[in-house]
Amino acid sequence: KGGLSGLKVAIVGDSYHSRVARSNIYGLTKYGAEVWLAGPATMLPQ
């Protein structure tokens, strides 16, 4: 994509138990990406 800023990134699935999701959140948001988490309510972190 040539960069990270301003991109909409959808992370779909079991983000509550996912260390991958956490690292993506911490990394991508530092660059101004718009991060969405989607999945069952029981698998979404707060």
All heavy atoms as atom14 arrays in JSON, in Angstrom:
{
  "sequence": "KGGLSGLKVAIVGDSYHSRVARSNIYGLTKYGAEVWLAGPATMLPQ",
  "atom14_mask": [
    [1, 1, 1, 1, 1, 1, 1, 1, 1, 0, 0, 0, 0, 0],
    [1, 1, 1, 1, 0, 0, 0, 0, 0, 0, 0, 0, 0, 0],
    [1, 1, 1, 1, 0, 0, 0, 0, 0, 0, 0, 0, 0, 0],
    [1, 1, 1, 1, 1, 1, 1, 1, 0, 0, 0, 0, 0, 0],
    [1, 1, 1, 1, 1, 1, 0, 0, 0, 0, 0, 0, 0, 0],
    [1, 1, 1, 1, 0, 0, 0, 0, 0, 0, 0, 0, 0, 0],
    [1, 1, 1, 1, 1, 1, 1, 1, 0, 0, 0, 0, 0, 0],
    [1, 1, 1, 1, 1, 1, 1, 1, 1, 0, 0, 0, 0, 0],
    [1, 1, 1, 1, 1, 1, 1, 0, 0, 0, 0, 0, 0, 0],
    [1, 1, 1, 1, 1, 0, 0, 0, 0, 0, 0, 0, 0, 0],
    [1, 1, 1, 1, 1, 1, 1, 1, 0, 0, 0, 0, 0, 0],
    [1, 1, 1, 1, 1, 1, 1, 0, 0, 0, 0, 0, 0, 0],
    [1, 1, 1, 1, 0, 0, 0, 0, 0, 0, 0, 0, 0, 0],
    [1, 1, 1, 1, 1, 1, 1, 1, 0, 0, 0, 0, 0, 0],
    [1, 1, 1, 1, 1, 1, 0, 0, 0, 0, 0, 0, 0, 0],
    [1, 1, 1, 1, 1, 1, 1, 1, 1, 1, 1, 1, 0, 0],
    [1, 1, 1, 1, 1, 1, 1, 1, 1, 1, 0, 0, 0, 0],
    [1, 1, 1, 1, 1, 1, 0, 0, 0, 0, 0, 0, 0, 0],
    [1, 1, 1, 1, 1, 1, 1, 1, 1, 1, 1, 0, 0, 0],
    [1, 1, 1, 1, 1, 1, 1, 0, 0, 0, 0, 0, 0, 0],
    [1, 1, 1, 1, 1, 0, 0, 0, 0, 0, 0, 0, 0, 0],
    [1, 1, 1, 1, 1, 1, 1, 1, 1, 1, 1, 0, 0, 0],
    [1, 1, 1, 1, 1, 1, 0, 0, 0, 0, 0, 0, 0, 0],
    [1, 1, 1, 1, 1, 1, 1, 1, 0, 0, 0, 0, 0, 0],
    [1, 1, 1, 1, 1, 1, 1, 1, 0, 0, 0, 0, 0, 0],
    [1, 1, 1, 1, 1, 1, 1, 1, 1, 1, 1, 1, 0, 0],
    [1, 1, 1, 1, 0, 0, 0, 0, 0, 0, 0, 0, 0, 0],
    [1, 1, 1, 1, 1, 1, 1, 1, 0, 0, 0, 0, 0, 0],
    [1, 1, 1, 1, 1, 1, 1, 0, 0, 0, 0, 0, 0, 0],
    [1, 1, 1, 1, 1, 1, 1, 1, 1, 0, 0, 0, 0, 0],
    [1, 1, 1, 1, 1, 1, 1, 1, 1, 1, 1, 1, 0, 0],
    [1, 1, 1, 1, 0, 0, 0, 0, 0, 0, 0, 0, 0, 0],
    [1, 1, 1, 1, 1, 0, 0, 0, 0, 0, 0, 0, 0, 0],
    [1, 1, 1, 1, 1, 1, 1, 1, 1, 0, 0, 0, 0, 0],
    [1, 1, 1, 1, 1, 1, 1, 0, 0, 0, 0, 0, 0, 0],
    [1, 1, 1, 1, 1, 1, 1, 1, 1, 1, 1, 1, 1, 1],
    [1, 1, 1, 1, 1, 1, 1, 1, 0, 0, 0, 0, 0, 0],
    [1, 1, 1, 1, 1, 0, 0, 0, 0, 0, 0, 0, 0, 0],
    [1, 1, 1, 1, 0, 0, 0, 0, 0, 0, 0, 0, 0, 0],
    [1, 1, 1, 1, 1, 1, 1, 0, 0, 0, 0, 0, 0, 0],
    [1, 1, 1, 1, 1, 0, 0, 0, 0, 0, 0, 0, 0, 0],
    [1, 1, 1, 1, 1, 1, 1, 0, 0, 0, 0, 0, 0, 0],
    [1, 1, 1, 1, 1, 1, 1, 1, 0, 0, 0, 0, 0, 0],
    [1, 1, 1, 1, 1, 1, 1, 1, 0, 0, 0, 0, 0, 0],
    [1, 1, 1, 1, 1, 1, 1, 0, 0, 0, 0, 0, 0, 0],
    [1, 1, 1, 1, 1, 1, 1, 1, 1, 0, 0, 0, 0, 0]
  ],
  "atom14_positions": [
    [[0.8, -1.22, 0.0], [0.0, 0.0, 0.0], [0.84, 1.28, 0.0], [0.29, 2.37, -0.11], [-0.94, 0.02, 1.21], [-1.99, -1.11, 1.19], [-2.96, -0.93, 0.03], [-4.06, -1.96, 0.04], [-4.98, -1.81, -1.12], [0.0, 0.0, 0.0], [0.0, 0.0, 0.0], [0.0, 0.0, 0.0], [0.0, 0.0, 0.0], [0.0, 0.0, 0.0]],
    [[2.13, 1.15, 0.16], [2.99, 2.32, 0.14], [3.08, 3.07, 1.44], [3.8, 4.05, 1.57], [0.0, 0.0, 0.0], [0.0, 0.0, 0.0], [0.0, 0.0, 0.0], [0.0, 0.0, 0.0], [0.0, 0.0, 0.0], [0.0, 0.0, 0.0], [0.0, 0.0, 0.0], [0.0, 0.0, 0.0], [0.0, 0.0, 0.0], [0.0, 0.0, 0.0]],
    [[2.34, 2.65, 2.44], [2.34, 3.3, 3.75], [1.27, 2.69, 4.62], [0.59, 1.73, 4.24], [0.0, 0.0, 0.0], [0.0, 0.0, 0.0], [0.0, 0.0, 0.0], [0.0, 0.0, 0.0], [0.0, 0.0, 0.0], [0.0, 0.0, 0.0], [0.0, 0.0, 0.0], [0.0, 0.0, 0.0], [0.0, 0.0, 0.0], [0.0, 0.0, 0.0]],
    [[1.1, 3.25, 5.81], [0.16, 2.72, 6.78], [-0.88, 3.75, 7.21], [-1.98, 3.41, 7.62], [0.91, 2.21, 8.03], [1.93, 1.1, 7.78], [2.83, 0.92, 9.0], [1.22, -0.21, 7.45], [0.0, 0.0, 0.0], [0.0, 0.0, 0.0], [0.0, 0.0, 0.0], [0.0, 0.0, 0.0], [0.0, 0.0, 0.0], [0.0, 0.0, 0.0]],
    [[-0.53, 5.02, 7.11], [-1.41, 6.09, 7.57], [-2.7, 6.15, 6.78], [-2.7, 6.07, 5.54], [-0.68, 7.43, 7.48], [-1.53, 8.49, 7.88], [0.0, 0.0, 0.0], [0.0, 0.0, 0.0], [0.0, 0.0, 0.0], [0.0, 0.0, 0.0], [0.0, 0.0, 0.0], [0.0, 0.0, 0.0], [0.0, 0.0, 0.0], [0.0, 0.0, 0.0]],
    [[-3.82, 6.29, 7.49], [-5.11, 6.49, 6.85], [-5.77, 5.24, 6.32], [-6.89, 5.31, 5.81], [0.0, 0.0, 0.0], [0.0, 0.0, 0.0], [0.0, 0.0, 0.0], [0.0, 0.0, 0.0], [0.0, 0.0, 0.0], [0.0, 0.0, 0.0], [0.0, 0.0, 0.0], [0.0, 0.0, 0.0], [0.0, 0.0, 0.0], [0.0, 0.0, 0.0]],
    [[-5.14, 4.09, 6.41], [-5.74, 2.86, 5.92], [-6.79, 2.35, 6.91], [-6.64, 2.5, 8.12], [-4.67, 1.77, 5.74], [-3.57, 2.03, 4.71], [-2.6, 0.86, 4.7], [-4.15, 2.25, 3.32], [0.0, 0.0, 0.0], [0.0, 0.0, 0.0], [0.0, 0.0, 0.0], [0.0, 0.0, 0.0], [0.0, 0.0, 0.0], [0.0, 0.0, 0.0]],
    [[-7.83, 1.73, 6.38], [-8.8, 1.04, 7.23], [-8.4, -0.43, 7.27], [-8.38, -1.11, 6.24], [-10.23, 1.19, 6.7], [-11.25, 0.46, 7.58], [-12.69, 0.61, 7.08], [-13.66, -0.14, 7.99], [-15.07, -0.01, 7.55], [0.0, 0.0, 0.0], [0.0, 0.0, 0.0], [0.0, 0.0, 0.0], [0.0, 0.0, 0.0], [0.0, 0.0, 0.0]],
    [[-8.09, -0.91, 8.47], [-7.65, -2.3, 8.65], [-8.69, -3.02, 9.51], [-8.92, -2.64, 10.66], [-6.27, -2.37, 9.33], [-5.84, -3.82, 9.51], [-5.24, -1.6, 8.52], [0.0, 0.0, 0.0], [0.0, 0.0, 0.0], [0.0, 0.0, 0.0], [0.0, 0.0, 0.0], [0.0, 0.0, 0.0], [0.0, 0.0, 0.0], [0.0, 0.0, 0.0]],
    [[-9.32, -4.04, 8.94], [-10.31, -4.83, 9.66], [-9.63, -6.1, 10.18], [-9.08, -6.88, 9.4], [-11.47, -5.19, 8.74], [0.0, 0.0, 0.0], [0.0, 0.0, 0.0], [0.0, 0.0, 0.0], [0.0, 0.0, 0.0], [0.0, 0.0, 0.0], [0.0, 0.0, 0.0], [0.0, 0.0, 0.0], [0.0, 0.0, 0.0], [0.0, 0.0, 0.0]],
    [[-9.66, -6.29, 11.49], [-9.13, -7.5, 12.12], [-10.33, -8.33, 12.54], [-11.12, -7.91, 13.4], [-8.23, -7.15, 13.32], [-7.05, -6.28, 12.85], [-7.73, -8.42, 13.99], [-6.15, -5.8, 13.98], [0.0, 0.0, 0.0], [0.0, 0.0, 0.0], [0.0, 0.0, 0.0], [0.0, 0.0, 0.0], [0.0, 0.0, 0.0], [0.0, 0.0, 0.0]],
    [[-10.49, -9.5, 11.93], [-11.71, -10.28, 12.07], [-11.44, -11.58, 12.8], [-10.54, -12.34, 12.42], [-12.32, -10.59, 10.69], [-13.6, -11.39, 10.84], [-12.59, -9.29, 9.92], [0.0, 0.0, 0.0], [0.0, 0.0, 0.0], [0.0, 0.0, 0.0], [0.0, 0.0, 0.0], [0.0, 0.0, 0.0], [0.0, 0.0, 0.0], [0.0, 0.0, 0.0]],
    [[-12.24, -11.84, 13.84], [-12.14, -13.13, 14.51], [-11.94, -13.01, 16.0], [-12.44, -12.1, 16.66], [0.0, 0.0, 0.0], [0.0, 0.0, 0.0], [0.0, 0.0, 0.0], [0.0, 0.0, 0.0], [0.0, 0.0, 0.0], [0.0, 0.0, 0.0], [0.0, 0.0, 0.0], [0.0, 0.0, 0.0], [0.0, 0.0, 0.0], [0.0, 0.0, 0.0]],
    [[-11.13, -13.92, 16.54], [-10.94, -14.07, 17.98], [-9.86, -13.11, 18.48], [-8.76, -13.51, 18.84], [-10.56, -15.52, 18.29], [-10.43, -15.79, 19.77], [-10.79, -14.92, 20.58], [-9.95, -16.89, 20.13], [0.0, 0.0, 0.0], [0.0, 0.0, 0.0], [0.0, 0.0, 0.0], [0.0, 0.0, 0.0], [0.0, 0.0, 0.0], [0.0, 0.0, 0.0]],
    [[-10.17, -11.83, 18.5], [-9.17, -10.84, 18.9], [-8.94, -10.83, 20.41], [-7.9, -10.36, 20.89], [-9.56, -9.44, 18.41], [-10.87, -9.11, 18.81], [0.0, 0.0, 0.0], [0.0, 0.0, 0.0], [0.0, 0.0, 0.0], [0.0, 0.0, 0.0], [0.0, 0.0, 0.0], [0.0, 0.0, 0.0], [0.0, 0.0, 0.0], [0.0, 0.0, 0.0]],
    [[-9.9, -11.34, 21.18], [-9.74, -11.36, 22.64], [-8.55, -12.23, 23.05], [-7.77, -11.86, 23.92], [-11.01, -11.89, 23.31], [-10.91, -11.96, 24.82], [-11.08, -10.82, 25.6], [-10.63, -13.16, 25.46], [-10.97, -10.87, 26.97], [-10.52, -13.23, 26.86], [-10.7, -12.08, 27.6], [-10.58, -12.15, 28.97], [0.0, 0.0, 0.0], [0.0, 0.0, 0.0]],
    [[-8.4, -13.38, 22.42], [-7.32, -14.3, 22.78], [-6.08, -14.12, 21.91], [-5.11, -14.87, 22.06], [-7.81, -15.75, 22.65], [-8.92, -16.1, 23.58], [-10.25, -16.02, 23.23], [-8.9, -16.53, 24.87], [-11.0, -16.39, 24.25], [-10.22, -16.7, 25.26], [0.0, 0.0, 0.0], [0.0, 0.0, 0.0], [0.0, 0.0, 0.0], [0.0, 0.0, 0.0]],
    [[-6.11, -13.17, 20.97], [-5.06, -13.07, 19.96], [-3.97, -12.08, 20.32], [-4.19, -10.87, 20.41], [-5.68, -12.66, 18.61], [-4.67, -12.46, 17.65], [0.0, 0.0, 0.0], [0.0, 0.0, 0.0], [0.0, 0.0, 0.0], [0.0, 0.0, 0.0], [0.0, 0.0, 0.0], [0.0, 0.0, 0.0], [0.0, 0.0, 0.0], [0.0, 0.0, 0.0]],
    [[-2.76, -12.59, 20.49], [-1.62, -11.69, 20.69], [-1.25, -10.99, 19.39], [-0.7, -9.89, 19.4], [-0.44, -12.47, 21.27], [-0.19, -13.83, 20.67], [0.55, -14.72, 21.67], [0.79, -16.05, 21.13], [1.11, -17.09, 21.87], [1.23, -16.98, 23.18], [1.34, -18.27, 21.35], [0.0, 0.0, 0.0], [0.0, 0.0, 0.0], [0.0, 0.0, 0.0]],
    [[-1.56, -11.63, 18.24], [-1.34, -10.98, 16.95], [-2.17, -9.7, 16.85], [-1.68, -8.66, 16.42], [-1.7, -11.93, 15.79], [-1.62, -11.2, 14.45], [-0.78, -13.14, 15.79], [0.0, 0.0, 0.0], [0.0, 0.0, 0.0], [0.0, 0.0, 0.0], [0.0, 0.0, 0.0], [0.0, 0.0, 0.0], [0.0, 0.0, 0.0], [0.0, 0.0, 0.0]],
    [[-3.44, -9.78, 17.26], [-4.31, -8.61, 17.2], [-3.75, -7.48, 18.05], [-3.76, -6.31, 17.62], [-5.72, -8.98, 17.68], [0.0, 0.0, 0.0], [0.0, 0.0, 0.0], [0.0, 0.0, 0.0], [0.0, 0.0, 0.0], [0.0, 0.0, 0.0], [0.0, 0.0, 0.0], [0.0, 0.0, 0.0], [0.0, 0.0, 0.0], [0.0, 0.0, 0.0]],
    [[-3.27, -7.79, 19.23], [-2.73, -6.75, 20.11], [-1.52, -6.06, 19.48], [-1.4, -4.84, 19.5], [-2.38, -7.34, 21.48], [-3.62, -7.67, 22.29], [-3.27, -8.43, 23.58], [-4.47, -8.62, 24.38], [-5.39, -9.56, 24.17], [-5.21, -10.43, 23.17], [-6.47, -9.66, 24.93], [0.0, 0.0, 0.0], [0.0, 0.0, 0.0], [0.0, 0.0, 0.0]],
    [[-0.6, -6.84, 18.93], [0.57, -6.23, 18.31], [0.18, -5.4, 17.09], [0.74, -4.33, 16.85], [1.58, -7.31, 17.91], [2.22, -7.84, 19.06], [0.0, 0.0, 0.0], [0.0, 0.0, 0.0], [0.0, 0.0, 0.0], [0.0, 0.0, 0.0], [0.0, 0.0, 0.0], [0.0, 0.0, 0.0], [0.0, 0.0, 0.0], [0.0, 0.0, 0.0]],
    [[-0.8, -5.87, 16.31], [-1.29, -5.08, 15.18], [-1.91, -3.77, 15.65], [-1.67, -2.71, 15.05], [-2.31, -5.89, 14.37], [-1.67, -6.7, 13.26], [-1.61, -6.28, 12.12], [-1.17, -7.87, 13.62], [0.0, 0.0, 0.0], [0.0, 0.0, 0.0], [0.0, 0.0, 0.0], [0.0, 0.0, 0.0], [0.0, 0.0, 0.0], [0.0, 0.0, 0.0]],
    [[-2.7, -3.82, 16.7], [-3.33, -2.6, 17.22], [-2.27, -1.6, 17.66], [-2.3, -0.42, 17.27], [-4.27, -2.94, 18.39], [-5.52, -3.67, 17.89], [-4.67, -1.67, 19.15], [-6.35, -4.3, 18.99], [0.0, 0.0, 0.0], [0.0, 0.0, 0.0], [0.0, 0.0, 0.0], [0.0, 0.0, 0.0], [0.0, 0.0, 0.0], [0.0, 0.0, 0.0]],
    [[-1.32, -2.04, 18.48], [-0.3, -1.13, 19.0], [0.55, -0.56, 17.87], [0.91, 0.63, 17.91], [0.6, -1.85, 20.0], [-0.1, -2.31, 21.26], [0.16, -3.57, 21.8], [-1.03, -1.49, 21.9], [-0.48, -4.0, 22.96], [-1.67, -1.91, 23.06], [-1.4, -3.17, 23.59], [-2.03, -3.59, 24.72], [0.0, 0.0, 0.0], [0.0, 0.0, 0.0]],
    [[0.88, -1.39, 16.87], [1.73, -0.91, 15.79], [1.0, -0.02, 14.81], [1.46, 1.09, 14.5], [0.0, 0.0, 0.0], [0.0, 0.0, 0.0], [0.0, 0.0, 0.0], [0.0, 0.0, 0.0], [0.0, 0.0, 0.0], [0.0, 0.0, 0.0], [0.0, 0.0, 0.0], [0.0, 0.0, 0.0], [0.0, 0.0, 0.0], [0.0, 0.0, 0.0]],
    [[-0.14, -0.47, 14.32], [-0.85, 0.27, 13.26], [-1.38, 1.62, 13.74], [-1.36, 2.6, 12.99], [-1.99, -0.58, 12.72], [-1.57, -1.81, 11.91], [-2.76, -2.74, 11.67], [-0.94, -1.39, 10.58], [0.0, 0.0, 0.0], [0.0, 0.0, 0.0], [0.0, 0.0, 0.0], [0.0, 0.0, 0.0], [0.0, 0.0, 0.0], [0.0, 0.0, 0.0]],
    [[-1.89, 1.67, 14.97], [-2.45, 2.94, 15.45], [-1.37, 4.0, 15.65], [-1.67, 5.19, 15.6], [-3.23, 2.73, 16.76], [-2.39, 2.1, 17.74], [-4.47, 1.88, 16.54], [0.0, 0.0, 0.0], [0.0, 0.0, 0.0], [0.0, 0.0, 0.0], [0.0, 0.0, 0.0], [0.0, 0.0, 0.0], [0.0, 0.0, 0.0], [0.0, 0.0, 0.0]],
    [[-0.13, 3.6, 15.85], [0.96, 4.58, 15.95], [1.14, 5.35, 14.64], [1.67, 6.46, 14.62], [2.28, 3.89, 16.32], [2.35, 3.33, 17.74], [3.68, 2.62, 17.97], [3.68, 1.81, 19.26], [3.73, 2.64, 20.46], [0.0, 0.0, 0.0], [0.0, 0.0, 0.0], [0.0, 0.0, 0.0], [0.0, 0.0, 0.0], [0.0, 0.0, 0.0]],
    [[0.72, 4.73, 13.54], [0.88, 5.34, 12.21], [-0.4, 5.98, 11.7], [-0.46, 6.43, 10.55], [1.35, 4.28, 11.21], [2.79, 3.89, 11.41], [3.14, 2.95, 12.38], [3.81, 4.45, 10.65], [4.46, 2.58, 12.58], [5.14, 4.09, 10.83], [5.46, 3.16, 11.8], [6.78, 2.8, 12.0], [0.0, 0.0, 0.0], [0.0, 0.0, 0.0]],
    [[-1.44, 6.0, 12.51], [-2.67, 6.65, 12.09], [-3.59, 5.79, 11.26], [-4.48, 6.32, 10.58], [0.0, 0.0, 0.0], [0.0, 0.0, 0.0], [0.0, 0.0, 0.0], [0.0, 0.0, 0.0], [0.0, 0.0, 0.0], [0.0, 0.0, 0.0], [0.0, 0.0, 0.0], [0.0, 0.0, 0.0], [0.0, 0.0, 0.0], [0.0, 0.0, 0.0]],
    [[-3.42, 4.47, 11.3], [-4.36, 3.58, 10.62], [-5.66, 3.51, 11.42], [-5.66, 3.65, 12.64], [-3.76, 2.19, 10.46], [0.0, 0.0, 0.0], [0.0, 0.0, 0.0], [0.0, 0.0, 0.0], [0.0, 0.0, 0.0], [0.0, 0.0, 0.0], [0.0, 0.0, 0.0], [0.0, 0.0, 0.0], [0.0, 0.0, 0.0], [0.0, 0.0, 0.0]],
    [[-6.76, 3.29, 10.72], [-8.07, 3.12, 11.36], [-8.31, 1.62, 11.54], [-8.5, 0.89, 10.56], [-9.17, 3.72, 10.48], [-10.57, 3.55, 11.03], [-11.63, 4.03, 10.04], [-11.3, 4.84, 9.15], [-12.79, 3.58, 10.17], [0.0, 0.0, 0.0], [0.0, 0.0, 0.0], [0.0, 0.0, 0.0], [0.0, 0.0, 0.0], [0.0, 0.0, 0.0]],
    [[-8.25, 1.16, 12.77], [-8.33, -0.28, 13.06], [-9.72, -0.64, 13.57], [-10.26, 0.01, 14.48], [-7.26, -0.69, 14.09], [-7.38, -2.18, 14.41], [-5.86, -0.38, 13.57], [0.0, 0.0, 0.0], [0.0, 0.0, 0.0], [0.0, 0.0, 0.0], [0.0, 0.0, 0.0], [0.0, 0.0, 0.0], [0.0, 0.0, 0.0], [0.0, 0.0, 0.0]],
    [[-10.3, -1.68, 12.97], [-11.58, -2.22, 13.4], [-11.39, -3.65, 13.88], [-10.63, -4.42, 13.27], [-12.57, -2.23, 12.23], [-13.15, -0.9, 11.87], [-12.49, 0.15, 11.29], [-14.5, -0.48, 12.05], [-13.35, 1.21, 11.1], [-14.61, 0.84, 11.55], [-15.65, -1.1, 12.56], [-15.79, 1.56, 11.56], [-16.84, -0.38, 12.57], [-16.91, 0.92, 12.08]],
    [[-12.08, -4.01, 14.96], [-12.13, -5.39, 15.44], [-13.55, -5.91, 15.23], [-14.51, -5.23, 15.6], [-11.77, -5.49, 16.92], [-10.4, -4.98, 17.36], [-10.24, -5.17, 18.86], [-9.28, -5.7, 16.61], [0.0, 0.0, 0.0], [0.0, 0.0, 0.0], [0.0, 0.0, 0.0], [0.0, 0.0, 0.0], [0.0, 0.0, 0.0], [0.0, 0.0, 0.0]],
    [[-13.68, -7.1, 14.65], [-15.0, -7.68, 14.42], [-14.98, -9.15, 14.79], [-14.01, -9.86, 14.52], [-15.41, -7.52, 12.96], [0.0, 0.0, 0.0], [0.0, 0.0, 0.0], [0.0, 0.0, 0.0], [0.0, 0.0, 0.0], [0.0, 0.0, 0.0], [0.0, 0.0, 0.0], [0.0, 0.0, 0.0], [0.0, 0.0, 0.0], [0.0, 0.0, 0.0]],
    [[-16.07, -9.59, 15.41], [-16.19, -10.99, 15.78], [-17.32, -11.17, 16.77], [-18.05, -10.21, 17.09], [0.0, 0.0, 0.0], [0.0, 0.0, 0.0], [0.0, 0.0, 0.0], [0.0, 0.0, 0.0], [0.0, 0.0, 0.0], [0.0, 0.0, 0.0], [0.0, 0.0, 0.0], [0.0, 0.0, 0.0], [0.0, 0.0, 0.0], [0.0, 0.0, 0.0]],
    [[-17.48, -12.38, 17.28], [-18.5, -12.61, 18.3], [-18.24, -11.74, 19.53], [-17.08, -11.46, 19.87], [-18.34, -14.1, 18.64], [-17.61, -14.69, 17.48], [-16.73, -13.61, 16.94], [0.0, 0.0, 0.0], [0.0, 0.0, 0.0], [0.0, 0.0, 0.0], [0.0, 0.0, 0.0], [0.0, 0.0, 0.0], [0.0, 0.0, 0.0], [0.0, 0.0, 0.0]],
    [[-19.29, -11.31, 20.19], [-19.15, -10.46, 21.37], [-18.27, -11.11, 22.43], [-17.56, -10.44, 23.18], [-20.53, -10.13, 21.95], [0.0, 0.0, 0.0], [0.0, 0.0, 0.0], [0.0, 0.0, 0.0], [0.0, 0.0, 0.0], [0.0, 0.0, 0.0], [0.0, 0.0, 0.0], [0.0, 0.0, 0.0], [0.0, 0.0, 0.0], [0.0, 0.0, 0.0]],
    [[-18.31, -12.45, 22.5], [-17.52, -13.18, 23.5], [-16.04, -13.21, 23.17], [-15.23, -13.64, 23.99], [-18.03, -14.63, 23.59], [-18.08, -15.19, 22.26], [-19.41, -14.69, 24.23], [0.0, 0.0, 0.0], [0.0, 0.0, 0.0], [0.0, 0.0, 0.0], [0.0, 0.0, 0.0], [0.0, 0.0, 0.0], [0.0, 0.0, 0.0], [0.0, 0.0, 0.0]],
    [[-15.67, -12.76, 21.97], [-14.27, -12.79, 21.55], [-13.71, -11.4, 21.25], [-12.68, -11.27, 20.6], [-14.11, -13.66, 20.3], [-14.47, -15.1, 20.51], [-14.19, -16.06, 19.01], [-14.86, -17.65, 19.51], [0.0, 0.0, 0.0], [0.0, 0.0, 0.0], [0.0, 0.0, 0.0], [0.0, 0.0, 0.0], [0.0, 0.0, 0.0], [0.0, 0.0, 0.0]],
    [[-14.4, -10.37, 21.71], [-13.94, -9.01, 21.49], [-13.38, -8.43, 22.79], [-14.05, -8.45, 23.82], [-15.09, -8.13, 20.98], [-15.59, -8.45, 19.58], [-16.84, -7.64, 19.26], [-14.51, -8.18, 18.53], [0.0, 0.0, 0.0], [0.0, 0.0, 0.0], [0.0, 0.0, 0.0], [0.0, 0.0, 0.0], [0.0, 0.0, 0.0], [0.0, 0.0, 0.0]],
    [[-12.16, -7.92, 22.77], [-11.57, -7.35, 23.97], [-12.14, -5.97, 24.29], [-12.73, -5.32, 23.43], [-10.09, -7.25, 23.62], [-10.09, -7.03, 22.14], [-11.26, -7.82, 21.61], [0.0, 0.0, 0.0], [0.0, 0.0, 0.0], [0.0, 0.0, 0.0], [0.0, 0.0, 0.0], [0.0, 0.0, 0.0], [0.0, 0.0, 0.0], [0.0, 0.0, 0.0]],
    [[-11.93, -5.54, 25.51], [-12.37, -4.21, 25.92], [-11.15, -3.33, 26.2], [-10.06, -3.83, 26.47], [-13.25, -4.3, 27.17], [-14.54, -5.09, 26.96], [-15.36, -5.17, 28.23], [-14.9, -4.83, 29.32], [-16.6, -5.64, 28.09], [0.0, 0.0, 0.0], [0.0, 0.0, 0.0], [0.0, 0.0, 0.0], [0.0, 0.0, 0.0], [0.0, 0.0, 0.0]]
  ]
}
